[in-house]
Amino acid sequence: MSEEIRDEGRAQGRAQGRADSLLLVLDVRGIALTEAAREKITACADTQLLHQWLERAATATTAEEVFAKGPQGH
């Protein structure tokens, strides 16, 4: 297995882990997600964006706040 393939696999694993964490935080906090929002999270491969969403999920009261762009959203 080439190093490039291994690195790609690691990146996918990190993205999946962050998506799973984000879904867990939202669920535990009682923040409802539409199927489209859930798909947006699970399909995202950008670990930095998932990290931003996860940070917002810690204090958000709605899913819209998690995905919002603006001053509180980096």
C-alpha atoms as a PDB file:
ATOM      1  CA  MET A   1       0.000   0.000   0.000  1.00  0.00           C
ATOM      2  CA  SER A   2       1.439   3.346  -0.963  1.00  0.00           C
ATOM      3  CA  GLU A   3       1.937   6.123   1.532  1.00  0.00           C
ATOM      4  CA  GLU A   4      -0.489   8.344  -0.403  1.00  0.00           C
ATOM      5  CA  ILE A   5      -3.288   5.795  -0.089  1.00  0.00           C
ATOM      6  CA  ARG A   6      -2.521   5.339   3.608  1.00  0.00           C
ATOM      7  CA  ASP A   7      -2.613   9.114   4.181  1.00  0.00           C
ATOM      8  CA  GLU A   8      -5.921   9.366   2.329  1.00  0.00           C
ATOM      9  CA  GLY A   9      -7.341   6.609   4.505  1.00  0.00           C
ATOM     10  CA  ARG A  10      -6.209   8.399   7.648  1.00  0.00           C
ATOM     11  CA  ALA A  11      -7.779  11.660   6.482  1.00  0.00           C
ATOM     12  CA  GLN A  12     -11.050   9.865   5.751  1.00  0.00           C
ATOM     13  CA  GLY A  13     -10.895   8.254   9.186  1.00  0.00           C
ATOM     14  CA  ARG A  14     -10.347  11.614  10.884  1.00  0.00           C
ATOM     15  CA  ALA A  15     -13.245  13.157   8.969  1.00  0.00           C
ATOM     16  CA  GLN A  16     -15.519  10.230   9.870  1.00  0.00           C
ATOM     17  CA  GLY A  17     -14.495  10.487  13.518  1.00  0.00           C
ATOM     18  CA  ARG A  18     -15.250  14.195  13.647  1.00  0.00           C
ATOM     19  CA  ALA A  19     -18.578  13.695  11.887  1.00  0.00           C
ATOM     20  CA  ASP A  20     -19.498  10.979  14.389  1.00  0.00           C
ATOM     21  CA  SER A  21     -18.480  13.235  17.291  1.00  0.00           C
ATOM     22  CA  LEU A  22     -20.496  16.110  15.898  1.00  0.00           C
ATOM     23  CA  LEU A  23     -23.594  13.945  15.499  1.00  0.00           C
ATOM     24  CA  LEU A  24     -23.159  12.675  19.065  1.00  0.00           C
ATOM     25  CA  VAL A  25     -22.814  16.181  20.536  1.00  0.00           C
ATOM     26  CA  LEU A  26     -25.880  17.386  18.654  1.00  0.00           C
ATOM     27  CA  ASP A  27     -27.875  14.352  19.767  1.00  0.00           C
ATOM     28  CA  VAL A  28     -26.853  14.660  23.424  1.00  0.00           C
ATOM     29  CA  ARG A  29     -27.673  18.373  23.395  1.00  0.00           C
ATOM     30  CA  GLY A  30     -31.106  17.627  21.912  1.00  0.00           C
ATOM     31  CA  ILE A  31     -30.499  19.578  18.702  1.00  0.00           C
ATOM     32  CA  ALA A  32     -32.702  18.171  15.966  1.00  0.00           C
ATOM     33  CA  LEU A  33     -31.239  17.579  12.517  1.00  0.00           C
ATOM     34  CA  THR A  34     -33.024  17.296   9.230  1.00  0.00           C
ATOM     35  CA  GLU A  35     -31.995  14.414   6.997  1.00  0.00           C
ATOM     36  CA  ALA A  36     -30.277  16.969   4.742  1.00  0.00           C
ATOM     37  CA  ALA A  37     -28.234  18.352   7.666  1.00  0.00           C
ATOM     38  CA  ARG A  38     -27.272  14.838   8.760  1.00  0.00           C
ATOM     39  CA  GLU A  39     -26.167  14.054   5.203  1.00  0.00           C
ATOM     40  CA  LYS A  40     -24.195  17.321   5.045  1.00  0.00           C
ATOM     41  CA  ILE A  41     -22.256  16.240   8.133  1.00  0.00           C
ATOM     42  CA  THR A  42     -21.658  12.628   7.126  1.00  0.00           C
ATOM     43  CA  ALA A  43     -20.652  13.538   3.560  1.00  0.00           C
ATOM     44  CA  CYS A  44     -18.175  16.245   4.616  1.00  0.00           C
ATOM     45  CA  ALA A  45     -14.520  15.287   4.139  1.00  0.00           C
ATOM     46  CA  ASP A  46     -13.096  18.646   5.283  1.00  0.00           C
ATOM     47  CA  THR A  47     -11.727  17.980   8.760  1.00  0.00           C
ATOM     48  CA  GLN A  48     -11.208  21.701   9.475  1.00  0.00           C
ATOM     49  CA  LEU A  49     -14.836  22.497   8.645  1.00  0.00           C
ATOM     50  CA  LEU A  50     -16.040  19.567  10.732  1.00  0.00           C
ATOM     51  CA  HIS A  51     -13.889  20.870  13.597  1.00  0.00           C
ATOM     52  CA  GLN A  52     -15.509  24.317  13.290  1.00  0.00           C
ATOM     53  CA  TRP A  53     -18.971  22.781  13.300  1.00  0.00           C
ATOM     54  CA  LEU A  54     -18.050  20.681  16.335  1.00  0.00           C
ATOM     55  CA  GLU A  55     -16.862  23.779  18.219  1.00  0.00           C
ATOM     56  CA  ARG A  56     -20.120  25.570  17.400  1.00  0.00           C
ATOM     57  CA  ALA A  57     -22.184  22.534  18.409  1.00  0.00           C
ATOM     58  CA  ALA A  58     -20.865  22.911  21.950  1.00  0.00           C
ATOM     59  CA  THR A  59     -22.823  26.133  22.416  1.00  0.00           C
ATOM     60  CA  ALA A  60     -25.401  26.196  19.611  1.00  0.00           C
ATOM     61  CA  THR A  61     -29.088  25.877  20.321  1.00  0.00           C
ATOM     62  CA  THR A  62     -30.093  25.012  16.743  1.00  0.00           C
ATOM     63  CA  ALA A  63     -28.556  23.187  13.801  1.00  0.00           C
ATOM     64  CA  GLU A  64     -28.655  26.452  11.861  1.00  0.00           C
ATOM     65  CA  GLU A  65     -26.236  27.980  14.377  1.00  0.00           C
ATOM     66  CA  VAL A  66     -23.822  25.102  13.820  1.00  0.00           C
ATOM     67  CA  PHE A  67     -23.703  25.693  10.061  1.00  0.00           C
ATOM     68  CA  ALA A  68     -23.944  29.513  10.162  1.00  0.00           C
ATOM     69  CA  LYS A  69     -21.213  31.662   8.728  1.00  0.00           C
ATOM     70  CA  GLY A  70     -20.440  34.803  10.606  1.00  0.00           C
ATOM     71  CA  PRO A  71     -18.683  36.300  13.601  1.00  0.00           C
ATOM     72  CA  GLN A  72     -19.286  33.404  15.986  1.00  0.00           C
ATOM     73  CA  GLY A  73     -18.566  30.884  13.266  1.00  0.00           C
ATOM     74  CA  HIS A  74     -14.943  31.645  12.354  1.00  0.00           C
END
